[in-house]
Amino acid sequence: MSKPRSVKLLILALTLLLLTAIAASMTAGQMKISPFKIIRNFFSIFSEKQEVFTPGEQSVLKLRVYRTAAAALAGIALSIAGVIYQSIFINPLVSPDLLGVTAGSSFGAAVGILISGSFMTVQTSAFLFGLAAVFFAVTLAKQFKGDRLIMLMMSGMISSSLFGSLLSLSNWLAKSHELSSILHFMMGGLATVQPQTVAYAAFLILLGSIFLFLMANHVNLLSLGEETASSLGINATFSRTVLIMGATLISSAAVYLGGAISWVGMMIPHMARMLAGSDNRKLIPVAALIGGSYLIAADIIARSFTAGELPLNLITSAFGIPFLIFVLFKTTNREQA
């Protein structure tokens, strides 16, 4: 998929896949709404005859619009962040959740809720604690001798466990009216998403994603190693720090939308790399489109097959864990060959 024409066709196909996922999300759920009715209503804008939805259908559709947008944005953010982390750390197994960013941002969001609950406080706190988590993992990994990839993963697990424990502590300290919001960050899900939340997070995710895409050449150089990147004329330390901040910003915004959502940032970059190669100028948009479609599909499953609603983390883990096993087997076989 390295040829420009092939990549353009791939992006077109993935864009159609994302649009299909969005359409499916609008119709699927406990209340089934005919896709043909939605299509007729859309085209009735250009005619005098207008398709009428029942009040119940109107309310459900309105909620699904926000929910679908939130799923797409969170999937895009986590996938792009995963691409960045894997490239700059030269480690195919790291991701926002495995580096502790998701747990750190979730704890930060809980701290923000305990302080005031305003968007600015919650998002800023989520971002700062997400940064603290990843820098803690990276700093800790440097203190140990051994395989660099394994040390980073182990340090990320320690960071994730630490901030996960602090999140549980914040749940214990919270007042009754704050508990539901904090539990949202622990479990992961999009059932309580609000229009204002989507709007604020969309601004941060789109801004951060564009910035990271514009930095794709720097990401490519850093993926060759710090010494090589420095010899090619970039400040490797500064570039890596800025990229970590950008990836953590969009990860924390995704956490603000959907809570702690695991595996997306690890799995989707691998899938995108299989299709588009390792050039981040192509990899970032491909991963974004796959990630948006994937999380919309996961959310459809979460709300469609039971009277209640399955935790989104349960769905992403059901796909992510087998995929990680597949990647480990593939990596092991390649090293033995």
C-alpha atoms as a PDB file:
ATOM      1  CA  MET A   1       0.000   0.000   0.000  1.00  0.00           C
ATOM      2  CA  SER A   2       2.941   2.331  -0.480  1.00  0.00           C
ATOM      3  CA  LYS A   3       1.884   3.727  -3.834  1.00  0.00           C
ATOM      4  CA  PRO A   4       0.119   7.139  -3.632  1.00  0.00           C
ATOM      5  CA  ARG A   5      -2.843   5.893  -5.673  1.00  0.00           C
ATOM      6  CA  SER A   6      -3.246   2.835  -3.431  1.00  0.00           C
ATOM      7  CA  VAL A   7      -3.178   4.968  -0.288  1.00  0.00           C
ATOM      8  CA  LYS A   8      -5.767   7.371  -1.723  1.00  0.00           C
ATOM      9  CA  LEU A   9      -8.046   4.442  -2.566  1.00  0.00           C
ATOM     10  CA  LEU A  10      -7.507   3.029   0.918  1.00  0.00           C
ATOM     11  CA  ILE A  11      -8.417   6.343   2.564  1.00  0.00           C
ATOM     12  CA  LEU A  12     -11.509   6.616   0.333  1.00  0.00           C
ATOM     13  CA  ALA A  13     -12.588   3.086   1.287  1.00  0.00           C
ATOM     14  CA  LEU A  14     -12.031   3.767   4.993  1.00  0.00           C
ATOM     15  CA  THR A  15     -13.964   7.043   4.744  1.00  0.00           C
ATOM     16  CA  LEU A  16     -16.906   5.105   3.293  1.00  0.00           C
ATOM     17  CA  LEU A  17     -16.523   2.583   6.126  1.00  0.00           C
ATOM     18  CA  LEU A  18     -16.686   5.398   8.691  1.00  0.00           C
ATOM     19  CA  LEU A  19     -19.805   6.858   7.048  1.00  0.00           C
ATOM     20  CA  THR A  20     -21.393   3.392   7.056  1.00  0.00           C
ATOM     21  CA  ALA A  21     -20.595   3.003  10.756  1.00  0.00           C
ATOM     22  CA  ILE A  22     -22.154   6.401  11.471  1.00  0.00           C
ATOM     23  CA  ALA A  23     -25.309   5.443   9.556  1.00  0.00           C
ATOM     24  CA  ALA A  24     -25.525   2.117  11.395  1.00  0.00           C
ATOM     25  CA  SER A  25     -25.102   3.868  14.738  1.00  0.00           C
ATOM     26  CA  MET A  26     -28.063   6.124  14.019  1.00  0.00           C
ATOM     27  CA  THR A  27     -30.368   3.148  13.398  1.00  0.00           C
ATOM     28  CA  ALA A  28     -29.108   0.489  15.840  1.00  0.00           C
ATOM     29  CA  GLY A  29     -30.012   0.138  19.490  1.00  0.00           C
ATOM     30  CA  GLN A  30     -32.896  -0.917  21.703  1.00  0.00           C
ATOM     31  CA  MET A  31     -35.197   1.323  19.656  1.00  0.00           C
ATOM     32  CA  LYS A  32     -34.824   0.343  16.001  1.00  0.00           C
ATOM     33  CA  ILE A  33     -35.242   3.204  13.538  1.00  0.00           C
ATOM     34  CA  SER A  34     -35.488   2.393   9.855  1.00  0.00           C
ATOM     35  CA  PRO A  35     -32.480   3.661   7.874  1.00  0.00           C
ATOM     36  CA  PHE A  36     -34.820   4.302   4.948  1.00  0.00           C
ATOM     37  CA  LYS A  37     -36.888   6.632   7.124  1.00  0.00           C
ATOM     38  CA  ILE A  38     -33.767   8.590   8.041  1.00  0.00           C
ATOM     39  CA  ILE A  39     -32.711   8.801   4.381  1.00  0.00           C
ATOM     40  CA  ARG A  40     -36.187   9.913   3.296  1.00  0.00           C
ATOM     41  CA  ASN A  41     -36.199  12.549   6.031  1.00  0.00           C
ATOM     42  CA  PHE A  42     -32.810  13.835   4.867  1.00  0.00           C
ATOM     43  CA  PHE A  43     -33.905  14.205   1.237  1.00  0.00           C
ATOM     44  CA  SER A  44     -37.275  15.682   2.254  1.00  0.00           C
ATOM     45  CA  ILE A  45     -35.348  18.880   3.035  1.00  0.00           C
ATOM     46  CA  PHE A  46     -35.394  19.524  -0.715  1.00  0.00           C
ATOM     47  CA  SER A  47     -39.121  18.845  -1.126  1.00  0.00           C
ATOM     48  CA  GLU A  48     -42.387  19.978   0.417  1.00  0.00           C
ATOM     49  CA  LYS A  49     -43.250  16.545   1.848  1.00  0.00           C
ATOM     50  CA  GLN A  50     -41.380  15.834   5.078  1.00  0.00           C
ATOM     51  CA  GLU A  51     -40.963  12.499   6.868  1.00  0.00           C
ATOM     52  CA  VAL A  52     -42.192  12.764  10.447  1.00  0.00           C
ATOM     53  CA  PHE A  53     -40.492  11.025  13.364  1.00  0.00           C
ATOM     54  CA  THR A  54     -42.362  10.234  16.557  1.00  0.00           C
ATOM     55  CA  PRO A  55     -41.317  12.258  19.640  1.00  0.00           C
ATOM     56  CA  GLY A  56     -39.560   9.155  20.975  1.00  0.00           C
ATOM     57  CA  GLU A  57     -37.625   8.678  17.743  1.00  0.00           C
ATOM     58  CA  GLN A  58     -36.622  12.343  17.706  1.00  0.00           C
ATOM     59  CA  SER A  59     -35.225  12.128  21.250  1.00  0.00           C
ATOM     60  CA  VAL A  60     -33.346   8.896  20.549  1.00  0.00           C
ATOM     61  CA  LEU A  61     -31.888  10.207  17.281  1.00  0.00           C
ATOM     62  CA  LYS A  62     -30.686  13.373  18.996  1.00  0.00           C
ATOM     63  CA  LEU A  63     -28.879  11.339  21.661  1.00  0.00           C
ATOM     64  CA  ARG A  64     -27.392   9.045  19.025  1.00  0.00           C
ATOM     65  CA  VAL A  65     -25.968  11.978  17.083  1.00  0.00           C
ATOM     66  CA  TYR A  66     -23.963  13.126  20.123  1.00  0.00           C
ATOM     67  CA  ARG A  67     -23.041   9.578  21.072  1.00  0.00           C
ATOM     68  CA  THR A  68     -21.874   8.664  17.583  1.00  0.00           C
ATOM     69  CA  ALA A  69     -19.799  11.840  17.342  1.00  0.00           C
ATOM     70  CA  ALA A  70     -18.231  11.079  20.732  1.00  0.00           C
ATOM     71  CA  ALA A  71     -17.380   7.495  19.710  1.00  0.00           C
ATOM     72  CA  ALA A  72     -15.805   8.634  16.438  1.00  0.00           C
ATOM     73  CA  LEU A  73     -13.782  11.380  18.133  1.00  0.00           C
ATOM     74  CA  ALA A  74     -12.548   9.120  20.942  1.00  0.00           C
ATOM     75  CA  GLY A  75     -11.609   6.396  18.456  1.00  0.00           C
ATOM     76  CA  ILE A  76      -9.726   8.877  16.285  1.00  0.00           C
ATOM     77  CA  ALA A  77      -7.885  10.389  19.265  1.00  0.00           C
ATOM     78  CA  LEU A  78      -6.814   7.103  20.851  1.00  0.00           C
ATOM     79  CA  SER A  79      -5.704   5.657  17.506  1.00  0.00           C
ATOM     80  CA  ILE A  80      -3.586   8.674  16.557  1.00  0.00           C
ATOM     81  CA  ALA A  81      -2.099   8.816  20.059  1.00  0.00           C
ATOM     82  CA  GLY A  82      -1.224   5.127  19.773  1.00  0.00           C
ATOM     83  CA  VAL A  83       0.534   5.729  16.453  1.00  0.00           C
ATOM     84  CA  ILE A  84       2.577   8.556  17.968  1.00  0.00           C
ATOM     85  CA  TYR A  85       3.578   6.671  21.119  1.00  0.00           C
ATOM     86  CA  GLN A  86       4.526   3.510  19.213  1.00  0.00           C
ATOM     87  CA  SER A  87       6.603   5.483  16.717  1.00  0.00           C
ATOM     88  CA  ILE A  88       8.522   7.795  19.045  1.00  0.00           C
ATOM     89  CA  PHE A  89       9.220   5.071  21.626  1.00  0.00           C
ATOM     90  CA  ILE A  90      10.004   2.573  18.833  1.00  0.00           C
ATOM     91  CA  ASN A  91       7.827   0.057  20.665  1.00  0.00           C
ATOM     92  CA  PRO A  92       4.912  -1.606  18.834  1.00  0.00           C
ATOM     93  CA  LEU A  93       3.167  -2.600  22.066  1.00  0.00           C
ATOM     94  CA  VAL A  94       2.801   0.755  23.832  1.00  0.00           C
ATOM     95  CA  SER A  95      -0.445   2.708  23.816  1.00  0.00           C
ATOM     96  CA  PRO A  96      -2.204   5.331  25.958  1.00  0.00           C
ATOM     97  CA  ASP A  97      -3.523   2.677  28.354  1.00  0.00           C
ATOM     98  CA  LEU A  98      -0.322   0.594  28.517  1.00  0.00           C
ATOM     99  CA  LEU A  99       1.766   3.719  29.238  1.00  0.00           C
ATOM    100  CA  GLY A 100      -0.544   4.777  32.063  1.00  0.00           C
ATOM    101  CA  VAL A 101      -1.912   7.807  30.193  1.00  0.00           C
ATOM    102  CA  THR A 102      -5.513   6.549  30.302  1.00  0.00           C
ATOM    103  CA  ALA A 103      -5.370   5.803  34.039  1.00  0.00           C
ATOM    104  CA  GLY A 104      -3.583   9.090  34.740  1.00  0.00           C
ATOM    105  CA  SER A 105      -6.098  11.101  32.734  1.00  0.00           C
ATOM    106  CA  SER A 106      -9.007   9.270  34.385  1.00  0.00           C
ATOM    107  CA  PHE A 107      -7.617  10.084  37.824  1.00  0.00           C
ATOM    108  CA  GLY A 108      -7.004  13.674  36.731  1.00  0.00           C
ATOM    109  CA  ALA A 109     -10.590  13.959  35.532  1.00  0.00           C
ATOM    110  CA  ALA A 110     -11.780  12.632  38.896  1.00  0.00           C
ATOM    111  CA  VAL A 111      -9.640  15.232  40.679  1.00  0.00           C
ATOM    112  CA  GLY A 112     -11.182  17.915  38.463  1.00  0.00           C
ATOM    113  CA  ILE A 113     -14.660  16.702  39.394  1.00  0.00           C
ATOM    114  CA  LEU A 114     -13.799  16.831  43.098  1.00  0.00           C
ATOM    115  CA  ILE A 115     -12.410  20.375  42.716  1.00  0.00           C
ATOM    116  CA  SER A 116     -15.208  22.022  40.722  1.00  0.00           C
ATOM    117  CA  GLY A 117     -16.575  19.830  37.925  1.00  0.00           C
ATOM    118  CA  SER A 118     -16.194  22.513  35.239  1.00  0.00           C
ATOM    119  CA  PHE A 119     -14.975  21.481  31.793  1.00  0.00           C
ATOM    120  CA  MET A 120     -11.811  23.558  32.019  1.00  0.00           C
ATOM    121  CA  THR A 121     -10.863  22.138  35.416  1.00  0.00           C
ATOM    122  CA  VAL A 122     -11.636  18.517  34.509  1.00  0.00           C
ATOM    123  CA  GLN A 123      -9.889  18.627  31.117  1.00  0.00           C
ATOM    124  CA  THR A 124      -6.821  20.486  32.403  1.00  0.00           C
ATOM    125  CA  SER A 125      -6.468  18.108  35.322  1.00  0.00           C
ATOM    126  CA  ALA A 126      -6.912  15.083  33.024  1.00  0.00           C
ATOM    127  CA  PHE A 127      -4.213  16.404  30.684  1.00  0.00           C
ATOM    128  CA  LEU A 128      -1.703  17.201  33.445  1.00  0.00           C
ATOM    129  CA  PHE A 129      -2.096  13.878  35.220  1.00  0.00           C
ATOM    130  CA  GLY A 130      -1.953  12.056  31.882  1.00  0.00           C
ATOM    131  CA  LEU A 131       1.379  13.776  31.220  1.00  0.00           C
ATOM    132  CA  ALA A 132       2.552  12.929  34.727  1.00  0.00           C
ATOM    133  CA  ALA A 133       1.701   9.264  34.146  1.00  0.00           C
ATOM    134  CA  VAL A 134       3.599   8.916  30.865  1.00  0.00           C
ATOM    135  CA  PHE A 135       6.665  10.833  32.066  1.00  0.00           C
ATOM    136  CA  PHE A 136       6.665   8.765  35.260  1.00  0.00           C
ATOM    137  CA  ALA A 137       6.648   5.578  33.144  1.00  0.00           C
ATOM    138  CA  VAL A 138       9.417   6.821  30.833  1.00  0.00           C
ATOM    139  CA  THR A 139      11.595   8.060  33.714  1.00  0.00           C
ATOM    140  CA  LEU A 140      11.113   4.838  35.664  1.00  0.00           C
ATOM    141  CA  ALA A 141      12.007   2.709  32.631  1.00  0.00           C
ATOM    142  CA  LYS A 142      15.354   4.514  32.317  1.00  0.00           C
ATOM    143  CA  GLN A 143      16.328   3.488  35.850  1.00  0.00           C
ATOM    144  CA  PHE A 144      16.441  -0.217  35.033  1.00  0.00           C
ATOM    145  CA  LYS A 145      18.860  -2.228  32.961  1.00  0.00           C
ATOM    146  CA  GLY A 146      17.502  -4.750  30.505  1.00  0.00           C
ATOM    147  CA  ASP A 147      15.484  -4.838  27.323  1.00  0.00           C
ATOM    148  CA  ARG A 148      14.292  -1.283  26.644  1.00  0.00           C
ATOM    149  CA  LEU A 149      10.909  -2.366  25.263  1.00  0.00           C
ATOM    150  CA  ILE A 150      10.134  -4.644  28.201  1.00  0.00           C
ATOM    151  CA  MET A 151      11.250  -2.053  30.768  1.00  0.00           C
ATOM    152  CA  LEU A 152       8.979   0.589  29.227  1.00  0.00           C
ATOM    153  CA  MET A 153       6.009  -1.779  29.228  1.00  0.00           C
ATOM    154  CA  MET A 154       6.631  -2.818  32.844  1.00  0.00           C
ATOM    155  CA  SER A 155       7.005   0.826  33.904  1.00  0.00           C
ATOM    156  CA  GLY A 156       3.801   1.666  32.064  1.00  0.00           C
ATOM    157  CA  MET A 157       1.990  -1.093  33.945  1.00  0.00           C
ATOM    158  CA  ILE A 158       3.302   0.289  37.243  1.00  0.00           C
ATOM    159  CA  SER A 159       2.174   3.802  36.275  1.00  0.00           C
ATOM    160  CA  SER A 160      -1.236   2.520  35.212  1.00  0.00           C
ATOM    161  CA  SER A 161      -1.677   0.565  38.458  1.00  0.00           C
ATOM    162  CA  LEU A 162      -0.601   3.552  40.549  1.00  0.00           C
ATOM    163  CA  PHE A 163      -3.043   5.983  38.979  1.00  0.00           C
ATOM    164  CA  GLY A 164      -5.756   3.315  38.842  1.00  0.00           C
ATOM    165  CA  SER A 165      -5.409   2.932  42.616  1.00  0.00           C
ATOM    166  CA  LEU A 166      -5.583   6.698  43.066  1.00  0.00           C
ATOM    167  CA  LEU A 167      -8.746   6.720  40.932  1.00  0.00           C
ATOM    168  CA  SER A 168     -10.298   4.140  43.267  1.00  0.00           C
ATOM    169  CA  LEU A 169      -9.298   6.333  46.214  1.00  0.00           C
ATOM    170  CA  SER A 170     -10.990   9.364  44.627  1.00  0.00           C
ATOM    171  CA  ASN A 171     -14.118   7.245  44.237  1.00  0.00           C
ATOM    172  CA  TRP A 172     -14.035   6.583  47.982  1.00  0.00           C
ATOM    173  CA  LEU A 173     -13.539  10.295  48.756  1.00  0.00           C
ATOM    174  CA  ALA A 174     -16.273  11.512  46.398  1.00  0.00           C
ATOM    175  CA  LYS A 175     -19.631  12.783  47.550  1.00  0.00           C
ATOM    176  CA  SER A 176     -22.779  10.994  46.427  1.00  0.00           C
ATOM    177  CA  HIS A 177     -23.529  13.409  43.565  1.00  0.00           C
ATOM    178  CA  GLU A 178     -19.956  13.033  42.240  1.00  0.00           C
ATOM    179  CA  LEU A 179     -19.856   9.227  42.270  1.00  0.00           C
ATOM    180  CA  SER A 180     -21.645   8.615  38.968  1.00  0.00           C
ATOM    181  CA  SER A 181     -19.273  10.911  37.073  1.00  0.00           C
ATOM    182  CA  ILE A 182     -16.182   9.259  38.561  1.00  0.00           C
ATOM    183  CA  LEU A 183     -17.561   5.765  37.894  1.00  0.00           C
ATOM    184  CA  HIS A 184     -17.981   6.838  34.265  1.00  0.00           C
ATOM    185  CA  PHE A 185     -14.222   7.371  34.005  1.00  0.00           C
ATOM    186  CA  MET A 186     -13.543   4.021  35.664  1.00  0.00           C
ATOM    187  CA  MET A 187     -15.863   1.891  33.510  1.00  0.00           C
ATOM    188  CA  GLY A 188     -15.745   3.636  30.138  1.00  0.00           C
ATOM    189  CA  GLY A 189     -18.874   4.365  28.141  1.00  0.00           C
ATOM    190  CA  LEU A 190     -20.759   6.965  26.151  1.00  0.00           C
ATOM    191  CA  ALA A 191     -24.240   6.721  27.675  1.00  0.00           C
ATOM    192  CA  THR A 192     -23.993  10.025  29.558  1.00  0.00           C
ATOM    193  CA  VAL A 193     -22.254  12.119  26.899  1.00  0.00           C
ATOM    194  CA  GLN A 194     -23.522  15.709  26.619  1.00  0.00           C
ATOM    195  CA  PRO A 195     -23.529  18.118  23.632  1.00  0.00           C
ATOM    196  CA  GLN A 196     -21.194  20.555  25.405  1.00  0.00           C
ATOM    197  CA  THR A 197     -18.788  17.730  26.235  1.00  0.00           C
ATOM    198  CA  VAL A 198     -18.658  16.654  22.587  1.00  0.00           C
ATOM    199  CA  ALA A 199     -18.099  20.221  21.389  1.00  0.00           C
ATOM    200  CA  TYR A 200     -15.249  20.940  23.828  1.00  0.00           C
ATOM    201  CA  ALA A 201     -13.537  17.600  23.230  1.00  0.00           C
ATOM    202  CA  ALA A 202     -13.961  17.874  19.448  1.00  0.00           C
ATOM    203  CA  PHE A 203     -12.076  21.175  19.443  1.00  0.00           C
ATOM    204  CA  LEU A 204      -9.133  19.709  21.376  1.00  0.00           C
ATOM    205  CA  ILE A 205      -9.035  16.431  19.448  1.00  0.00           C
ATOM    206  CA  LEU A 206      -9.237  18.024  16.002  1.00  0.00           C
ATOM    207  CA  LEU A 207      -6.669  20.686  16.895  1.00  0.00           C
ATOM    208  CA  GLY A 208      -4.298  18.147  18.430  1.00  0.00           C
ATOM    209  CA  SER A 209      -4.745  15.654  15.589  1.00  0.00           C
ATOM    210  CA  ILE A 210      -3.967  18.262  12.931  1.00  0.00           C
ATOM    211  CA  PHE A 211      -0.854  19.315  14.849  1.00  0.00           C
ATOM    212  CA  LEU A 212       0.355  15.709  15.142  1.00  0.00           C
ATOM    213  CA  PHE A 213      -0.277  15.099  11.446  1.00  0.00           C
ATOM    214  CA  LEU A 214       1.786  18.178  10.581  1.00  0.00           C
ATOM    215  CA  MET A 215       4.574  16.751  12.763  1.00  0.00           C
ATOM    216  CA  ALA A 216       4.514  13.400  10.925  1.00  0.00           C
ATOM    217  CA  ASN A 217       7.972  13.915   9.401  1.00  0.00           C
ATOM    218  CA  HIS A 218       9.432  14.466  12.874  1.00  0.00           C
ATOM    219  CA  VAL A 219       7.691  11.295  14.042  1.00  0.00           C
ATOM    220  CA  ASN A 220       9.239   9.397  11.120  1.00  0.00           C
ATOM    221  CA  LEU A 221      12.715  10.619  12.063  1.00  0.00           C
ATOM    222  CA  LEU A 222      12.275   9.811  15.758  1.00  0.00           C
ATOM    223  CA  SER A 223      11.164   6.301  14.823  1.00  0.00           C
ATOM    224  CA  LEU A 224      14.680   5.779  13.416  1.00  0.00           C
ATOM    225  CA  GLY A 225      16.237   6.413  16.826  1.00  0.00           C
ATOM    226  CA  GLU A 226      17.279   9.504  18.772  1.00  0.00           C
ATOM    227  CA  GLU A 227      20.847   9.603  17.457  1.00  0.00           C
ATOM    228  CA  THR A 228      19.745   9.268  13.837  1.00  0.00           C
ATOM    229  CA  ALA A 229      17.047  11.915  14.279  1.00  0.00           C
ATOM    230  CA  SER A 230      19.549  14.335  15.840  1.00  0.00           C
ATOM    231  CA  SER A 231      22.063  13.725  13.046  1.00  0.00           C
ATOM    232  CA  LEU A 232      19.355  14.596  10.517  1.00  0.00           C
ATOM    233  CA  GLY A 233      18.883  18.030  12.049  1.00  0.00           C
ATOM    234  CA  ILE A 234      16.045  17.898  14.572  1.00  0.00           C
ATOM    235  CA  ASN A 235      16.114  18.480  18.318  1.00  0.00           C
ATOM    236  CA  ALA A 236      15.088  14.953  19.279  1.00  0.00           C
ATOM    237  CA  THR A 237      14.396  15.670  22.961  1.00  0.00           C
ATOM    238  CA  PHE A 238      12.266  18.737  22.239  1.00  0.00           C
ATOM    239  CA  SER A 239      10.355  17.049  19.403  1.00  0.00           C
ATOM    240  CA  ARG A 240       9.644  13.944  21.485  1.00  0.00           C
ATOM    241  CA  THR A 241       8.414  16.066  24.403  1.00  0.00           C
ATOM    242  CA  VAL A 242       6.110  18.122  22.180  1.00  0.00           C
ATOM    243  CA  LEU A 243       4.742  14.988  20.516  1.00  0.00           C
ATOM    244  CA  ILE A 244       4.117  13.322  23.884  1.00  0.00           C
ATOM    245  CA  MET A 245       2.214  16.433  24.983  1.00  0.00           C
ATOM    246  CA  GLY A 246       0.134  16.444  21.787  1.00  0.00           C
ATOM    247  CA  ALA A 247      -0.677  12.734  22.018  1.00  0.00           C
ATOM    248  CA  THR A 248      -1.516  13.053  25.715  1.00  0.00           C
ATOM    249  CA  LEU A 249      -3.768  16.053  25.055  1.00  0.00           C
ATOM    250  CA  ILE A 250      -5.972  14.142  22.611  1.00  0.00           C
ATOM    251  CA  SER A 251      -5.863  11.020  24.821  1.00  0.00           C
ATOM    252  CA  SER A 252      -7.097  13.017  27.813  1.00  0.00           C
ATOM    253  CA  ALA A 253      -9.868  14.533  25.677  1.00  0.00           C
ATOM    254  CA  ALA A 254     -10.901  10.996  24.670  1.00  0.00           C
ATOM    255  CA  VAL A 255     -10.961  10.019  28.354  1.00  0.00           C
ATOM    256  CA  TYR A 256     -13.105  13.079  29.077  1.00  0.00           C
ATOM    257  CA  LEU A 257     -15.570  11.831  26.448  1.00  0.00           C
ATOM    258  CA  GLY A 258     -15.705   8.122  27.140  1.00  0.00           C
ATOM    259  CA  GLY A 259     -13.771   7.348  30.297  1.00  0.00           C
ATOM    260  CA  ALA A 260     -11.042   4.713  30.384  1.00  0.00           C
ATOM    261  CA  ILE A 261     -11.254   2.924  27.016  1.00  0.00           C
ATOM    262  CA  SER A 262      -8.563   0.274  26.622  1.00  0.00           C
ATOM    263  CA  TRP A 263      -6.841  -1.463  23.710  1.00  0.00           C
ATOM    264  CA  VAL A 264      -7.879   0.945  20.937  1.00  0.00           C
ATOM    265  CA  GLY A 265      -4.551   2.792  20.994  1.00  0.00           C
ATOM    266  CA  MET A 266      -2.604  -0.460  20.806  1.00  0.00           C
ATOM    267  CA  MET A 267      -4.666  -2.440  18.295  1.00  0.00           C
ATOM    268  CA  ILE A 268      -5.670   0.133  15.675  1.00  0.00           C
ATOM    269  CA  PRO A 269      -2.125   1.390  14.850  1.00  0.00           C
ATOM    270  CA  HIS A 270      -1.116  -2.218  14.135  1.00  0.00           C
ATOM    271  CA  MET A 271      -4.061  -2.711  11.805  1.00  0.00           C
ATOM    272  CA  ALA A 272      -3.320   0.584  10.062  1.00  0.00           C
ATOM    273  CA  ARG A 273       0.360  -0.305   9.699  1.00  0.00           C
ATOM    274  CA  MET A 274      -0.570  -3.568   7.977  1.00  0.00           C
ATOM    275  CA  LEU A 275      -2.538  -1.575   5.397  1.00  0.00           C
ATOM    276  CA  ALA A 276      -0.555   1.639   4.955  1.00  0.00           C
ATOM    277  CA  GLY A 277       3.009   0.884   6.015  1.00  0.00           C
ATOM    278  CA  SER A 278       5.074   2.763   8.580  1.00  0.00           C
ATOM    279  CA  ASP A 279       5.168   6.267   7.023  1.00  0.00           C
ATOM    280  CA  ASN A 280       3.302   8.370   9.590  1.00  0.00           C
ATOM    281  CA  ARG A 281       2.090  10.795   6.925  1.00  0.00           C
ATOM    282  CA  LYS A 282      -0.109   7.941   5.670  1.00  0.00           C
ATOM    283  CA  LEU A 283      -0.409   5.995   8.891  1.00  0.00           C
ATOM    284  CA  ILE A 284      -2.005   8.777  10.956  1.00  0.00           C
ATOM    285  CA  PRO A 285      -5.067   9.390   8.707  1.00  0.00           C
ATOM    286  CA  VAL A 286      -5.544   5.655   8.071  1.00  0.00           C
ATOM    287  CA  ALA A 287      -5.430   4.881  11.813  1.00  0.00           C
ATOM    288  CA  ALA A 288      -7.829   7.759  12.532  1.00  0.00           C
ATOM    289  CA  LEU A 289     -10.442   6.442  10.088  1.00  0.00           C
ATOM    290  CA  ILE A 290     -10.159   2.849  11.313  1.00  0.00           C
ATOM    291  CA  GLY A 291     -10.261   3.954  14.954  1.00  0.00           C
ATOM    292  CA  GLY A 292     -13.353   6.097  14.493  1.00  0.00           C
ATOM    293  CA  SER A 293     -15.201   3.268  12.729  1.00  0.00           C
ATOM    294  CA  TYR A 294     -14.065   0.677  15.262  1.00  0.00           C
ATOM    295  CA  LEU A 295     -15.198   2.557  18.360  1.00  0.00           C
ATOM    296  CA  ILE A 296     -18.561   3.392  16.780  1.00  0.00           C
ATOM    297  CA  ALA A 297     -19.019  -0.336  16.073  1.00  0.00           C
ATOM    298  CA  ALA A 298     -17.998  -1.202  19.647  1.00  0.00           C
ATOM    299  CA  ASP A 299     -20.520   1.308  21.008  1.00  0.00           C
ATOM    300  CA  ILE A 300     -23.272  -0.179  18.817  1.00  0.00           C
ATOM    301  CA  ILE A 301     -22.545  -3.609  20.312  1.00  0.00           C
ATOM    302  CA  ALA A 302     -22.479  -2.173  23.843  1.00  0.00           C
ATOM    303  CA  ARG A 303     -25.994  -0.750  23.574  1.00  0.00           C
ATOM    304  CA  SER A 304     -27.756  -3.192  21.268  1.00  0.00           C
ATOM    305  CA  PHE A 305     -27.811  -6.680  22.747  1.00  0.00           C
ATOM    306  CA  THR A 306     -28.939  -6.283  26.354  1.00  0.00           C
ATOM    307  CA  ALA A 307     -31.706  -4.389  28.118  1.00  0.00           C
ATOM    308  CA  GLY A 308     -29.040  -2.425  29.965  1.00  0.00           C
ATOM    309  CA  GLU A 309     -25.718  -1.395  28.519  1.00  0.00           C
ATOM    310  CA  LEU A 310     -22.415  -3.248  28.444  1.00  0.00           C
ATOM    311  CA  PRO A 311     -19.282  -1.352  29.551  1.00  0.00           C
ATOM    312  CA  LEU A 312     -17.423  -0.160  26.463  1.00  0.00           C
ATOM    313  CA  ASN A 313     -14.190  -1.489  27.948  1.00  0.00           C
ATOM    314  CA  LEU A 314     -15.659  -4.990  27.913  1.00  0.00           C
ATOM    315  CA  ILE A 315     -16.204  -4.792  24.153  1.00  0.00           C
ATOM    316  CA  THR A 316     -12.800  -3.305  23.328  1.00  0.00           C
ATOM    317  CA  SER A 317     -11.063  -5.847  25.576  1.00  0.00           C
ATOM    318  CA  ALA A 318     -12.885  -8.730  23.893  1.00  0.00           C
ATOM    319  CA  PHE A 319     -11.228  -7.736  20.618  1.00  0.00           C
ATOM    320  CA  GLY A 320      -8.009  -6.220  21.973  1.00  0.00           C
ATOM    321  CA  ILE A 321      -6.737  -9.127  24.077  1.00  0.00           C
ATOM    322  CA  PRO A 322      -6.859 -11.729  21.261  1.00  0.00           C
ATOM    323  CA  PHE A 323      -5.248  -9.194  18.936  1.00  0.00           C
ATOM    324  CA  LEU A 324      -2.372  -8.636  21.389  1.00  0.00           C
ATOM    325  CA  ILE A 325      -1.832 -12.408  21.589  1.00  0.00           C
ATOM    326  CA  PHE A 326      -1.757 -12.499  17.772  1.00  0.00           C
ATOM    327  CA  VAL A 327       0.829  -9.685  17.669  1.00  0.00           C
ATOM    328  CA  LEU A 328       3.003 -11.404  20.285  1.00  0.00           C
ATOM    329  CA  PHE A 329       2.936 -14.685  18.357  1.00  0.00           C
ATOM    330  CA  LYS A 330       3.737 -12.869  15.125  1.00  0.00           C
ATOM    331  CA  THR A 331       6.630 -10.964  16.719  1.00  0.00           C
ATOM    332  CA  THR A 332       8.033 -14.117  18.349  1.00  0.00           C
ATOM    333  CA  ASN A 333       7.862 -16.110  15.114  1.00  0.00           C
ATOM    334  CA  ARG A 334       9.605 -13.300  13.213  1.00  0.00           C
ATOM    335  CA  GLU A 335      12.449 -13.203  15.756  1.00  0.00           C
ATOM    336  CA  GLN A 336      12.880 -16.988  15.617  1.00  0.00           C
ATOM    337  CA  ALA A 337      12.909 -17.093  11.808  1.00  0.00           C
END
